[in-house]
Amino acid sequence: MIKSEKGQSLTEFALVLPILLLMLCGIIDFGRLGFNYMNQHLTTQEAVRKAGLGNSDTEIETFAKGYIQIKDPESLQVTIVPDDSIRDSGDYVTVTLTSPFEAATPLMDIFFPDSMQISTNSTIRVE
């Protein structure tokens, strides 16, 4: 006796489709995370270069928030050690940038309950 197998592939596809879509969204999110990290790292290197040239902390922070390509540049936290008031030629200065990252994938908060933070830093000697 031969049974009809009409609709079998459609049923299997319907069962697998949500998993495939979540995987695709996850791949896109990891790509966004990588892009944001690389962009922030480049911004950190450019900002620390400005610190090494003797710019003030306010100028460095304004530059970093204007240079970075994120959804809300005002959420970027800029930390500069030491302050420009005690920074002398020959000292080392470190710039640290921290920004929040929100995943676009649904259900991602199950795996990462707290908001993710991207943090980059760079150090250079003041000229």
PDB file of N, CA and C in Angstrom:
ATOM      1  N   MET A   1       0.829  -1.157   0.000  1.00  0.00           N
ATOM      2  CA  MET A   1       0.000   0.000   0.000  1.00  0.00           C
ATOM      3  C   MET A   1       0.890   1.242   0.000  1.00  0.00           C
ATOM      4  N   ILE A   2       0.708   2.126  -0.929  1.00  0.00           N
ATOM      5  CA  ILE A   2       1.488   3.357  -1.067  1.00  0.00           C
ATOM      6  C   ILE A   2       0.697   4.502  -0.452  1.00  0.00           C
ATOM      7  N   LYS A   3       1.335   5.190   0.490  1.00  0.00           N
ATOM      8  CA  LYS A   3       0.668   6.326   1.125  1.00  0.00           C
ATOM      9  C   LYS A   3       1.093   7.610   0.423  1.00  0.00           C
ATOM     10  N   SER A   4       0.211   8.562   0.377  1.00  0.00           N
ATOM     11  CA  SER A   4       0.491   9.850  -0.245  1.00  0.00           C
ATOM     12  C   SER A   4       1.409  10.672   0.675  1.00  0.00           C
ATOM     13  N   GLU A   5       2.423  11.248   0.095  1.00  0.00           N
ATOM     14  CA  GLU A   5       3.372  12.063   0.859  1.00  0.00           C
ATOM     15  C   GLU A   5       3.258  13.539   0.468  1.00  0.00           C
ATOM     16  N   LYS A   6       2.106  13.939  -0.028  1.00  0.00           N
ATOM     17  CA  LYS A   6       1.898  15.342  -0.402  1.00  0.00           C
ATOM     18  C   LYS A   6       1.938  16.207   0.845  1.00  0.00           C
ATOM     19  N   GLY A   7       2.647  17.309   0.779  1.00  0.00           N
ATOM     20  CA  GLY A   7       2.734  18.240   1.891  1.00  0.00           C
ATOM     21  C   GLY A   7       3.837  17.934   2.892  1.00  0.00           C
ATOM     22  N   GLN A   8       4.555  16.840   2.690  1.00  0.00           N
ATOM     23  CA  GLN A   8       5.608  16.487   3.646  1.00  0.00           C
ATOM     24  C   GLN A   8       6.710  17.543   3.661  1.00  0.00           C
ATOM     25  N   SER A   9       7.167  17.945   2.491  1.00  0.00           N
ATOM     26  CA  SER A   9       8.257  18.923   2.431  1.00  0.00           C
ATOM     27  C   SER A   9       7.795  20.284   2.965  1.00  0.00           C
ATOM     28  N   LEU A  10       6.536  20.643   2.734  1.00  0.00           N
ATOM     29  CA  LEU A  10       6.013  21.895   3.252  1.00  0.00           C
ATOM     30  C   LEU A  10       5.971  21.872   4.781  1.00  0.00           C
ATOM     31  N   THR A  11       5.590  20.777   5.356  1.00  0.00           N
ATOM     32  CA  THR A  11       5.556  20.637   6.808  1.00  0.00           C
ATOM     33  C   THR A  11       6.961  20.702   7.396  1.00  0.00           C
ATOM     34  N   GLU A  12       7.905  20.024   6.780  1.00  0.00           N
ATOM     35  CA  GLU A  12       9.284  20.067   7.258  1.00  0.00           C
ATOM     36  C   GLU A  12       9.858  21.475   7.161  1.00  0.00           C
ATOM     37  N   PHE A  13       9.551  22.158   6.067  1.00  0.00           N
ATOM     38  CA  PHE A  13      10.025  23.532   5.889  1.00  0.00           C
ATOM     39  C   PHE A  13       9.425  24.448   6.957  1.00  0.00           C
ATOM     40  N   ALA A  14       8.160  24.272   7.267  1.00  0.00           N
ATOM     41  CA  ALA A  14       7.502  25.089   8.287  1.00  0.00           C
ATOM     42  C   ALA A  14       8.119  24.855   9.660  1.00  0.00           C
ATOM     43  N   LEU A  15       8.597  23.661   9.917  1.00  0.00           N
ATOM     44  CA  LEU A  15       9.233  23.369  11.198  1.00  0.00           C
ATOM     45  C   LEU A  15      10.651  23.950  11.284  1.00  0.00           C
ATOM     46  N   VAL A  16      11.344  23.998  10.182  1.00  0.00           N
ATOM     47  CA  VAL A  16      12.743  24.441  10.161  1.00  0.00           C
ATOM     48  C   VAL A  16      12.873  25.949   9.945  1.00  0.00           C
ATOM     49  N   LEU A  17      11.873  26.579   9.330  1.00  0.00           N
ATOM     50  CA  LEU A  17      11.955  28.003   8.982  1.00  0.00           C
ATOM     51  C   LEU A  17      12.250  28.913  10.182  1.00  0.00           C
ATOM     52  N   PRO A  18      11.580  28.793  11.331  1.00  0.00           N
ATOM     53  CA  PRO A  18      11.910  29.693  12.446  1.00  0.00           C
ATOM     54  C   PRO A  18      13.365  29.575  12.910  1.00  0.00           C
ATOM     55  N   ILE A  19      13.882  28.363  12.902  1.00  0.00           N
ATOM     56  CA  ILE A  19      15.276  28.159  13.308  1.00  0.00           C
ATOM     57  C   ILE A  19      16.220  28.825  12.304  1.00  0.00           C
ATOM     58  N   LEU A  20      15.939  28.686  11.035  1.00  0.00           N
ATOM     59  CA  LEU A  20      16.771  29.315  10.005  1.00  0.00           C
ATOM     60  C   LEU A  20      16.725  30.836  10.108  1.00  0.00           C
ATOM     61  N   LEU A  21      15.547  31.395  10.375  1.00  0.00           N
ATOM     62  CA  LEU A  21      15.437  32.847  10.493  1.00  0.00           C
ATOM     63  C   LEU A  21      16.177  33.369  11.717  1.00  0.00           C
ATOM     64  N   LEU A  22      16.101  32.650  12.840  1.00  0.00           N
ATOM     65  CA  LEU A  22      16.859  33.060  14.022  1.00  0.00           C
ATOM     66  C   LEU A  22      18.359  32.988  13.772  1.00  0.00           C
ATOM     67  N   MET A  23      18.796  31.963  13.063  1.00  0.00           N
ATOM     68  CA  MET A  23      20.222  31.863  12.732  1.00  0.00           C
ATOM     69  C   MET A  23      20.653  33.022  11.839  1.00  0.00           C
ATOM     70  N   LEU A  24      19.826  33.366  10.869  1.00  0.00           N
ATOM     71  CA  LEU A  24      20.146  34.473   9.965  1.00  0.00           C
ATOM     72  C   LEU A  24      20.221  35.787  10.732  1.00  0.00           C
ATOM     73  N   CYS A  25      19.255  36.026  11.608  1.00  0.00           N
ATOM     74  CA  CYS A  25      19.285  37.246  12.424  1.00  0.00           C
ATOM     75  C   CYS A  25      20.514  37.263  13.332  1.00  0.00           C
ATOM     76  N   GLY A  26      20.881  36.111  13.886  1.00  0.00           N
ATOM     77  CA  GLY A  26      22.073  36.038  14.727  1.00  0.00           C
ATOM     78  C   GLY A  26      23.341  36.345  13.959  1.00  0.00           C
ATOM     79  N   ILE A  27      23.424  35.852  12.736  1.00  0.00           N
ATOM     80  CA  ILE A  27      24.585  36.148  11.887  1.00  0.00           C
ATOM     81  C   ILE A  27      24.667  37.641  11.603  1.00  0.00           C
ATOM     82  N   ILE A  28      23.525  38.244  11.328  1.00  0.00           N
ATOM     83  CA  ILE A  28      23.499  39.687  11.071  1.00  0.00           C
ATOM     84  C   ILE A  28      23.922  40.452  12.322  1.00  0.00           C
ATOM     85  N   ASP A  29      23.434  40.030  13.492  1.00  0.00           N
ATOM     86  CA  ASP A  29      23.818  40.697  14.739  1.00  0.00           C
ATOM     87  C   ASP A  29      25.315  40.584  15.019  1.00  0.00           C
ATOM     88  N   PHE A  30      25.895  39.419  14.795  1.00  0.00           N
ATOM     89  CA  PHE A  30      27.334  39.276  15.017  1.00  0.00           C
ATOM     90  C   PHE A  30      28.120  40.131  14.021  1.00  0.00           C
ATOM     91  N   GLY A  31      27.611  40.280  12.816  1.00  0.00           N
ATOM     92  CA  GLY A  31      28.240  41.181  11.854  1.00  0.00           C
ATOM     93  C   GLY A  31      28.167  42.625  12.318  1.00  0.00           C
ATOM     94  N   ARG A  32      27.010  43.030  12.845  1.00  0.00           N
ATOM     95  CA  ARG A  32      26.861  44.387  13.391  1.00  0.00           C
ATOM     96  C   ARG A  32      27.794  44.601  14.578  1.00  0.00           C
ATOM     97  N   LEU A  33      27.895  43.585  15.441  1.00  0.00           N
ATOM     98  CA  LEU A  33      28.781  43.669  16.602  1.00  0.00           C
ATOM     99  C   LEU A  33      30.236  43.842  16.157  1.00  0.00           C
ATOM    100  N   GLY A  34      30.654  43.063  15.170  1.00  0.00           N
ATOM    101  CA  GLY A  34      32.019  43.179  14.646  1.00  0.00           C
ATOM    102  C   GLY A  34      32.281  44.540  14.028  1.00  0.00           C
ATOM    103  N   PHE A  35      31.309  45.049  13.257  1.00  0.00           N
ATOM    104  CA  PHE A  35      31.464  46.369  12.639  1.00  0.00           C
ATOM    105  C   PHE A  35      31.567  47.445  13.713  1.00  0.00           C
ATOM    106  N   ASN A  36      30.678  47.392  14.717  1.00  0.00           N
ATOM    107  CA  ASN A  36      30.710  48.399  15.779  1.00  0.00           C
ATOM    108  C   ASN A  36      32.021  48.348  16.556  1.00  0.00           C
ATOM    109  N   TYR A  37      32.524  47.139  16.817  1.00  0.00           N
ATOM    110  CA  TYR A  37      33.796  47.020  17.540  1.00  0.00           C
ATOM    111  C   TYR A  37      34.942  47.618  16.720  1.00  0.00           C
ATOM    112  N   MET A  38      35.022  47.269  15.449  1.00  0.00           N
ATOM    113  CA  MET A  38      36.117  47.790  14.613  1.00  0.00           C
ATOM    114  C   MET A  38      36.022  49.308  14.461  1.00  0.00           C
ATOM    115  N   ASN A  39      34.803  49.813  14.295  1.00  0.00           N
ATOM    116  CA  ASN A  39      34.608  51.253  14.167  1.00  0.00           C
ATOM    117  C   ASN A  39      35.018  51.962  15.456  1.00  0.00           C
ATOM    118  N   GLN A  40      34.631  51.404  16.595  1.00  0.00           N
ATOM    119  CA  GLN A  40      34.981  52.013  17.869  1.00  0.00           C
ATOM    120  C   GLN A  40      36.480  51.928  18.127  1.00  0.00           C
ATOM    121  N   HIS A  41      37.104  50.838  17.724  1.00  0.00           N
ATOM    122  CA  HIS A  41      38.554  50.700  17.902  1.00  0.00           C
ATOM    123  C   HIS A  41      39.295  51.752  17.063  1.00  0.00           C
ATOM    124  N   LEU A  42      38.851  51.960  15.843  1.00  0.00           N
ATOM    125  CA  LEU A  42      39.460  52.985  14.997  1.00  0.00           C
ATOM    126  C   LEU A  42      39.263  54.370  15.602  1.00  0.00           C
ATOM    127  N   THR A  43      38.071  54.633  16.118  1.00  0.00           N
ATOM    128  CA  THR A  43      37.805  55.922  16.763  1.00  0.00           C
ATOM    129  C   THR A  43      38.711  56.116  17.975  1.00  0.00           C
ATOM    130  N   THR A  44      38.924  55.042  18.739  1.00  0.00           N
ATOM    131  CA  THR A  44      39.808  55.118  19.902  1.00  0.00           C
ATOM    132  C   THR A  44      41.230  55.464  19.477  1.00  0.00           C
ATOM    133  N   GLN A  45      41.711  54.846  18.418  1.00  0.00           N
ATOM    134  CA  GLN A  45      43.068  55.126  17.950  1.00  0.00           C
ATOM    135  C   GLN A  45      43.213  56.570  17.474  1.00  0.00           C
ATOM    136  N   GLU A  46      42.198  57.072  16.776  1.00  0.00           N
ATOM    137  CA  GLU A  46      42.246  58.464  16.311  1.00  0.00           C
ATOM    138  C   GLU A  46      42.170  59.437  17.485  1.00  0.00           C
ATOM    139  N   ALA A  47      41.329  59.111  18.480  1.00  0.00           N
ATOM    140  CA  ALA A  47      41.183  59.997  19.642  1.00  0.00           C
ATOM    141  C   ALA A  47      42.465  60.026  20.471  1.00  0.00           C
ATOM    142  N   VAL A  48      43.100  58.872  20.664  1.00  0.00           N
ATOM    143  CA  VAL A  48      44.328  58.848  21.452  1.00  0.00           C
ATOM    144  C   VAL A  48      45.453  59.567  20.695  1.00  0.00           C
ATOM    145  N   ARG A  49      45.404  59.550  19.398  1.00  0.00           N
ATOM    146  CA  ARG A  49      46.406  60.299  18.616  1.00  0.00           C
ATOM    147  C   ARG A  49      46.253  61.791  18.869  1.00  0.00           C
ATOM    148  N   LYS A  50      44.999  62.255  18.937  1.00  0.00           N
ATOM    149  CA  LYS A  50      44.763  63.666  19.250  1.00  0.00           C
ATOM    150  C   LYS A  50      45.263  64.000  20.649  1.00  0.00           C
ATOM    151  N   ALA A  51      45.078  63.068  21.591  1.00  0.00           N
ATOM    152  CA  ALA A  51      45.593  63.291  22.945  1.00  0.00           C
ATOM    153  C   ALA A  51      47.111  63.357  22.933  1.00  0.00           C
ATOM    154  N   GLY A  52      47.733  62.529  22.123  1.00  0.00           N
ATOM    155  CA  GLY A  52      49.187  62.528  22.014  1.00  0.00           C
ATOM    156  C   GLY A  52      49.733  63.800  21.407  1.00  0.00           C
ATOM    157  N   LEU A  53      48.915  64.483  20.626  1.00  0.00           N
ATOM    158  CA  LEU A  53      49.335  65.746  20.015  1.00  0.00           C
ATOM    159  C   LEU A  53      49.086  66.933  20.929  1.00  0.00           C
ATOM    160  N   GLY A  54      48.468  66.680  22.105  1.00  0.00           N
ATOM    161  CA  GLY A  54      48.304  67.756  23.071  1.00  0.00           C
ATOM    162  C   GLY A  54      46.935  68.398  23.098  1.00  0.00           C
ATOM    163  N   ASN A  55      45.932  67.822  22.453  1.00  0.00           N
ATOM    164  CA  ASN A  55      44.588  68.389  22.499  1.00  0.00           C
ATOM    165  C   ASN A  55      43.983  68.210  23.892  1.00  0.00           C
ATOM    166  N   SER A  56      43.012  69.049  24.209  1.00  0.00           N
ATOM    167  CA  SER A  56      42.368  68.977  25.526  1.00  0.00           C
ATOM    168  C   SER A  56      41.371  67.819  25.567  1.00  0.00           C
ATOM    169  N   ASP A  57      40.977  67.441  26.782  1.00  0.00           N
ATOM    170  CA  ASP A  57      40.021  66.349  26.950  1.00  0.00           C
ATOM    171  C   ASP A  57      38.684  66.660  26.287  1.00  0.00           C
ATOM    172  N   THR A  58      38.244  67.905  26.365  1.00  0.00           N
ATOM    173  CA  THR A  58      36.976  68.308  25.740  1.00  0.00           C
ATOM    174  C   THR A  58      37.046  68.150  24.229  1.00  0.00           C
ATOM    175  N   GLU A  59      38.163  68.549  23.633  1.00  0.00           N
ATOM    176  CA  GLU A  59      38.329  68.405  22.178  1.00  0.00           C
ATOM    177  C   GLU A  59      38.345  66.936  21.772  1.00  0.00           C
ATOM    178  N   ILE A  60      38.982  66.104  22.577  1.00  0.00           N
ATOM    179  CA  ILE A  60      39.066  64.676  22.272  1.00  0.00           C
ATOM    180  C   ILE A  60      37.689  64.030  22.358  1.00  0.00           C
ATOM    181  N   GLU A  61      36.936  64.372  23.405  1.00  0.00           N
ATOM    182  CA  GLU A  61      35.600  63.804  23.565  1.00  0.00           C
ATOM    183  C   GLU A  61      34.665  64.256  22.445  1.00  0.00           C
ATOM    184  N   THR A  62      34.724  65.521  22.080  1.00  0.00           N
ATOM    185  CA  THR A  62      33.907  66.036  20.976  1.00  0.00           C
ATOM    186  C   THR A  62      34.274  65.349  19.670  1.00  0.00           C
ATOM    187  N   PHE A  63      35.567  65.158  19.444  1.00  0.00           N
ATOM    188  CA  PHE A  63      36.019  64.468  18.230  1.00  0.00           C
ATOM    189  C   PHE A  63      35.500  63.041  18.186  1.00  0.00           C
ATOM    190  N   ALA A  64      35.639  62.318  19.303  1.00  0.00           N
ATOM    191  CA  ALA A  64      35.227  60.911  19.336  1.00  0.00           C
ATOM    192  C   ALA A  64      33.735  60.763  19.077  1.00  0.00           C
ATOM    193  N   LYS A  65      32.925  61.617  19.683  1.00  0.00           N
ATOM    194  CA  LYS A  65      31.473  61.522  19.495  1.00  0.00           C
ATOM    195  C   LYS A  65      31.052  61.937  18.086  1.00  0.00           C
ATOM    196  N   GLY A  66      31.850  62.771  17.450  1.00  0.00           N
ATOM    197  CA  GLY A  66      31.541  63.162  16.075  1.00  0.00           C
ATOM    198  C   GLY A  66      32.058  62.178  15.041  1.00  0.00           C
ATOM    199  N   TYR A  67      33.080  61.423  15.402  1.00  0.00           N
ATOM    200  CA  TYR A  67      33.736  60.520  14.448  1.00  0.00           C
ATOM    201  C   TYR A  67      33.101  59.136  14.408  1.00  0.00           C
ATOM    202  N   ILE A  68      32.623  58.657  15.552  1.00  0.00           N
ATOM    203  CA  ILE A  68      32.111  57.287  15.638  1.00  0.00           C
ATOM    204  C   ILE A  68      30.777  57.168  14.900  1.00  0.00           C
ATOM    205  N   GLN A  69      30.527  55.982  14.366  1.00  0.00           N
ATOM    206  CA  GLN A  69      29.298  55.731  13.615  1.00  0.00           C
ATOM    207  C   GLN A  69      28.430  54.732  14.381  1.00  0.00           C
ATOM    208  N   ILE A  70      27.716  55.245  15.387  1.00  0.00           N
ATOM    209  CA  ILE A  70      26.777  54.414  16.132  1.00  0.00           C
ATOM    210  C   ILE A  70      25.427  55.120  16.163  1.00  0.00           C
ATOM    211  N   LYS A  71      24.425  54.388  16.611  1.00  0.00           N
ATOM    212  CA  LYS A  71      23.053  54.909  16.612  1.00  0.00           C
ATOM    213  C   LYS A  71      22.930  56.188  17.430  1.00  0.00           C
ATOM    214  N   ASP A  72      23.481  56.200  18.639  1.00  0.00           N
ATOM    215  CA  ASP A  72      23.408  57.359  19.523  1.00  0.00           C
ATOM    216  C   ASP A  72      24.806  57.730  20.004  1.00  0.00           C
ATOM    217  N   PRO A  73      25.493  58.646  19.315  1.00  0.00           N
ATOM    218  CA  PRO A  73      26.855  59.005  19.715  1.00  0.00           C
ATOM    219  C   PRO A  73      26.941  59.597  21.123  1.00  0.00           C
ATOM    220  N   GLU A  74      25.842  60.152  21.631  1.00  0.00           N
ATOM    221  CA  GLU A  74      25.867  60.737  22.973  1.00  0.00           C
ATOM    222  C   GLU A  74      25.960  59.656  24.054  1.00  0.00           C
ATOM    223  N   SER A  75      25.643  58.411  23.717  1.00  0.00           N
ATOM    224  CA  SER A  75      25.755  57.317  24.696  1.00  0.00           C
ATOM    225  C   SER A  75      27.196  56.824  24.841  1.00  0.00           C
ATOM    226  N   LEU A  76      28.082  57.326  23.998  1.00  0.00           N
ATOM    227  CA  LEU A  76      29.492  56.939  24.060  1.00  0.00           C
ATOM    228  C   LEU A  76      30.142  57.540  25.307  1.00  0.00           C
ATOM    229  N   GLN A  77      30.785  56.692  26.105  1.00  0.00           N
ATOM    230  CA  GLN A  77      31.500  57.154  27.294  1.00  0.00           C
ATOM    231  C   GLN A  77      32.982  57.243  26.957  1.00  0.00           C
ATOM    232  N   VAL A  78      33.552  58.408  27.174  1.00  0.00           N
ATOM    233  CA  VAL A  78      34.964  58.649  26.874  1.00  0.00           C
ATOM    234  C   VAL A  78      35.707  58.847  28.194  1.00  0.00           C
ATOM    235  N   THR A  79      36.727  58.023  28.417  1.00  0.00           N
ATOM    236  CA  THR A  79      37.556  58.134  29.613  1.00  0.00           C
ATOM    237  C   THR A  79      38.996  58.385  29.174  1.00  0.00           C
ATOM    238  N   ILE A  80      39.582  59.454  29.701  1.00  0.00           N
ATOM    239  CA  ILE A  80      40.948  59.822  29.337  1.00  0.00           C
ATOM    240  C   ILE A  80      41.783  59.891  30.612  1.00  0.00           C
ATOM    241  N   VAL A  81      42.859  59.113  30.642  1.00  0.00           N
ATOM    242  CA  VAL A  81      43.738  59.053  31.819  1.00  0.00           C
ATOM    243  C   VAL A  81      45.171  59.295  31.368  1.00  0.00           C
ATOM    244  N   PRO A  82      45.901  60.214  31.928  1.00  0.00           N
ATOM    245  CA  PRO A  82      45.534  61.197  32.939  1.00  0.00           C
ATOM    246  C   PRO A  82      44.829  62.396  32.314  1.00  0.00           C
ATOM    247  N   ASP A  83      44.265  63.252  33.169  1.00  0.00           N
ATOM    248  CA  ASP A  83      43.589  64.464  32.698  1.00  0.00           C
ATOM    249  C   ASP A  83      44.569  65.382  31.975  1.00  0.00           C
ATOM    250  N   ASP A  84      44.018  66.259  31.137  1.00  0.00           N
ATOM    251  CA  ASP A  84      44.884  67.175  30.396  1.00  0.00           C
ATOM    252  C   ASP A  84      45.572  68.183  31.312  1.00  0.00           C
ATOM    253  N   SER A  85      45.056  68.382  32.531  1.00  0.00           N
ATOM    254  CA  SER A  85      45.681  69.339  33.449  1.00  0.00           C
ATOM    255  C   SER A  85      47.012  68.821  34.008  1.00  0.00           C
ATOM    256  N   ILE A  86      47.185  67.485  34.045  1.00  0.00           N
ATOM    257  CA  ILE A  86      48.442  66.927  34.591  1.00  0.00           C
ATOM    258  C   ILE A  86      49.235  66.160  33.536  1.00  0.00           C
ATOM    259  N   ARG A  87      48.819  66.268  32.294  1.00  0.00           N
ATOM    260  CA  ARG A  87      49.510  65.554  31.216  1.00  0.00           C
ATOM    261  C   ARG A  87      50.665  66.403  30.703  1.00  0.00           C
ATOM    262  N   ASP A  88      51.852  65.818  30.679  1.00  0.00           N
ATOM    263  CA  ASP A  88      53.043  66.510  30.192  1.00  0.00           C
ATOM    264  C   ASP A  88      53.647  65.738  29.027  1.00  0.00           C
ATOM    265  N   SER A  89      54.535  66.394  28.317  1.00  0.00           N
ATOM    266  CA  SER A  89      55.238  65.751  27.219  1.00  0.00           C
ATOM    267  C   SER A  89      56.062  64.580  27.756  1.00  0.00           C
ATOM    268  N   GLY A  90      55.943  63.433  27.095  1.00  0.00           N
ATOM    269  CA  GLY A  90      56.660  62.238  27.510  1.00  0.00           C
ATOM    270  C   GLY A  90      55.816  61.285  28.335  1.00  0.00           C
ATOM    271  N   ASP A  91      54.695  61.773  28.878  1.00  0.00           N
ATOM    272  CA  ASP A  91      53.781  60.907  29.631  1.00  0.00           C
ATOM    273  C   ASP A  91      52.975  60.039  28.669  1.00  0.00           C
ATOM    274  N   TYR A  92      52.426  58.973  29.191  1.00  0.00           N
ATOM    275  CA  TYR A  92      51.534  58.120  28.402  1.00  0.00           C
ATOM    276  C   TYR A  92      50.090  58.482  28.716  1.00  0.00           C
ATOM    277  N   VAL A  93      49.280  58.544  27.695  1.00  0.00           N
ATOM    278  CA  VAL A  93      47.855  58.843  27.858  1.00  0.00           C
ATOM    279  C   VAL A  93      47.048  57.675  27.290  1.00  0.00           C
ATOM    280  N   THR A  94      45.984  57.302  28.006  1.00  0.00           N
ATOM    281  CA  THR A  94      45.119  56.206  27.592  1.00  0.00           C
ATOM    282  C   THR A  94      43.706  56.742  27.386  1.00  0.00           C
ATOM    283  N   VAL A  95      43.124  56.419  26.239  1.00  0.00           N
ATOM    284  CA  VAL A  95      41.737  56.770  25.941  1.00  0.00           C
ATOM    285  C   VAL A  95      40.935  55.480  25.883  1.00  0.00           C
ATOM    286  N   THR A  96      39.830  55.444  26.634  1.00  0.00           N
ATOM    287  CA  THR A  96      38.940  54.292  26.660  1.00  0.00           C
ATOM    288  C   THR A  96      37.559  54.738  26.219  1.00  0.00           C
ATOM    289  N   LEU A  97      37.002  54.038  25.238  1.00  0.00           N
ATOM    290  CA  LEU A  97      35.645  54.315  24.763  1.00  0.00           C
ATOM    291  C   LEU A  97      34.761  53.127  25.091  1.00  0.00           C
ATOM    292  N   THR A  98      33.565  53.401  25.612  1.00  0.00           N
ATOM    293  CA  THR A  98      32.599  52.367  25.947  1.00  0.00           C
ATOM    294  C   THR A  98      31.246  52.786  25.404  1.00  0.00           C
ATOM    295  N   SER A  99      30.586  51.868  24.705  1.00  0.00           N
ATOM    296  CA  SER A  99      29.256  52.161  24.167  1.00  0.00           C
ATOM    297  C   SER A  99      28.363  50.928  24.307  1.00  0.00           C
ATOM    298  N   PRO A 100      27.057  51.156  24.432  1.00  0.00           N
ATOM    299  CA  PRO A 100      26.132  50.016  24.527  1.00  0.00           C
ATOM    300  C   PRO A 100      25.874  49.412  23.152  1.00  0.00           C
ATOM    301  N   PHE A 101      25.560  48.121  23.142  1.00  0.00           N
ATOM    302  CA  PHE A 101      25.199  47.440  21.893  1.00  0.00           C
ATOM    303  C   PHE A 101      23.889  46.713  22.119  1.00  0.00           C
ATOM    304  N   GLU A 102      22.916  46.992  21.273  1.00  0.00           N
ATOM    305  CA  GLU A 102      21.616  46.341  21.362  1.00  0.00           C
ATOM    306  C   GLU A 102      21.460  45.387  20.188  1.00  0.00           C
ATOM    307  N   ALA A 103      21.191  44.145  20.506  1.00  0.00           N
ATOM    308  CA  ALA A 103      20.994  43.140  19.459  1.00  0.00           C
ATOM    309  C   ALA A 103      19.622  43.316  18.824  1.00  0.00           C
ATOM    310  N   ALA A 104      19.539  43.088  17.540  1.00  0.00           N
ATOM    311  CA  ALA A 104      18.269  43.188  16.825  1.00  0.00           C
ATOM    312  C   ALA A 104      17.545  41.848  16.763  1.00  0.00           C
ATOM    313  N   THR A 105      18.238  40.779  17.109  1.00  0.00           N
ATOM    314  CA  THR A 105      17.648  39.447  17.041  1.00  0.00           C
ATOM    315  C   THR A 105      16.646  39.252  18.174  1.00  0.00           C
ATOM    316  N   PRO A 106      15.439  38.789  17.834  1.00  0.00           N
ATOM    317  CA  PRO A 106      14.490  38.494  18.905  1.00  0.00           C
ATOM    318  C   PRO A 106      15.007  37.352  19.773  1.00  0.00           C
ATOM    319  N   LEU A 107      14.648  37.373  21.011  1.00  0.00           N
ATOM    320  CA  LEU A 107      15.018  36.349  21.989  1.00  0.00           C
ATOM    321  C   LEU A 107      16.502  36.369  22.355  1.00  0.00           C
ATOM    322  N   MET A 108      17.269  37.348  21.876  1.00  0.00           N
ATOM    323  CA  MET A 108      18.685  37.408  22.203  1.00  0.00           C
ATOM    324  C   MET A 108      18.885  37.747  23.677  1.00  0.00           C
ATOM    325  N   ASP A 109      17.894  38.428  24.285  1.00  0.00           N
ATOM    326  CA  ASP A 109      18.030  38.779  25.690  1.00  0.00           C
ATOM    327  C   ASP A 109      17.981  37.560  26.605  1.00  0.00           C
ATOM    328  N   ILE A 110      17.551  36.419  26.082  1.00  0.00           N
ATOM    329  CA  ILE A 110      17.596  35.178  26.856  1.00  0.00           C
ATOM    330  C   ILE A 110      19.054  34.757  27.063  1.00  0.00           C
ATOM    331  N   PHE A 111      19.868  34.902  26.034  1.00  0.00           N
ATOM    332  CA  PHE A 111      21.269  34.507  26.100  1.00  0.00           C
ATOM    333  C   PHE A 111      22.144  35.583  26.733  1.00  0.00           C
ATOM    334  N   PHE A 112      21.794  36.854  26.501  1.00  0.00           N
ATOM    335  CA  PHE A 112      22.542  37.986  27.046  1.00  0.00           C
ATOM    336  C   PHE A 112      21.570  38.888  27.802  1.00  0.00           C
ATOM    337  N   PRO A 113      21.274  38.572  29.075  1.00  0.00           N
ATOM    338  CA  PRO A 113      20.242  39.310  29.798  1.00  0.00           C
ATOM    339  C   PRO A 113      20.578  40.783  30.032  1.00  0.00           C
ATOM    340  N   ASP A 114      21.822  41.091  30.292  1.00  0.00           N
ATOM    341  CA  ASP A 114      22.218  42.489  30.478  1.00  0.00           C
ATOM    342  C   ASP A 114      22.569  43.091  29.133  1.00  0.00           C
ATOM    343  N   SER A 115      22.493  44.414  29.053  1.00  0.00           N
ATOM    344  CA  SER A 115      22.877  45.044  27.797  1.00  0.00           C
ATOM    345  C   SER A 115      24.377  44.847  27.584  1.00  0.00           C
ATOM    346  N   MET A 116      24.753  44.596  26.367  1.00  0.00           N
ATOM    347  CA  MET A 116      26.159  44.370  26.056  1.00  0.00           C
ATOM    348  C   MET A 116      26.867  45.712  25.905  1.00  0.00           C
ATOM    349  N   GLN A 117      28.103  45.767  26.345  1.00  0.00           N
ATOM    350  CA  GLN A 117      28.926  46.965  26.242  1.00  0.00           C
ATOM    351  C   GLN A 117      30.149  46.643  25.387  1.00  0.00           C
ATOM    352  N   ILE A 118      30.448  47.537  24.475  1.00  0.00           N
ATOM    353  CA  ILE A 118      31.667  47.416  23.683  1.00  0.00           C
ATOM    354  C   ILE A 118      32.669  48.398  24.283  1.00  0.00           C
ATOM    355  N   SER A 119      33.837  47.899  24.654  1.00  0.00           N
ATOM    356  CA  SER A 119      34.852  48.749  25.272  1.00  0.00           C
ATOM    357  C   SER A 119      36.179  48.571  24.543  1.00  0.00           C
ATOM    358  N   THR A 120      36.773  49.682  24.159  1.00  0.00           N
ATOM    359  CA  THR A 120      38.079  49.661  23.501  1.00  0.00           C
ATOM    360  C   THR A 120      38.972  50.708  24.157  1.00  0.00           C
ATOM    361  N   ASN A 121      40.280  50.455  24.152  1.00  0.00           N
ATOM    362  CA  ASN A 121      41.214  51.451  24.691  1.00  0.00           C
ATOM    363  C   ASN A 121      42.500  51.441  23.879  1.00  0.00           C
ATOM    364  N   SER A 122      43.212  52.543  23.988  1.00  0.00           N
ATOM    365  CA  SER A 122      44.485  52.673  23.286  1.00  0.00           C
ATOM    366  C   SER A 122      45.369  53.651  24.072  1.00  0.00           C
ATOM    367  N   THR A 123      46.666  53.414  24.018  1.00  0.00           N
ATOM    368  CA  THR A 123      47.618  54.240  24.759  1.00  0.00           C
ATOM    369  C   THR A 123      48.679  54.780  23.810  1.00  0.00           C
ATOM    370  N   ILE A 124      49.098  56.014  24.060  1.00  0.00           N
ATOM    371  CA  ILE A 124      50.148  56.614  23.248  1.00  0.00           C
ATOM    372  C   ILE A 124      50.957  57.565  24.127  1.00  0.00           C
ATOM    373  N   ARG A 125      52.141  57.859  23.709  1.00  0.00           N
ATOM    374  CA  ARG A 125      53.012  58.787  24.433  1.00  0.00           C
ATOM    375  C   ARG A 125      52.760  60.199  23.926  1.00  0.00           C
ATOM    376  N   VAL A 126      52.644  61.132  24.850  1.00  0.00           N
ATOM    377  CA  VAL A 126      52.392  62.538  24.494  1.00  0.00           C
ATOM    378  C   VAL A 126      53.654  63.136  23.911  1.00  0.00           C
ATOM    379  N   GLU A 127      53.502  63.805  22.785  1.00  0.00           N
ATOM    380  CA  GLU A 127      54.662  64.437  22.121  1.00  0.00           C
ATOM    381  C   GLU A 127      54.998  65.765  22.740  1.00  0.00           C
TER     382      GLU A 127
END
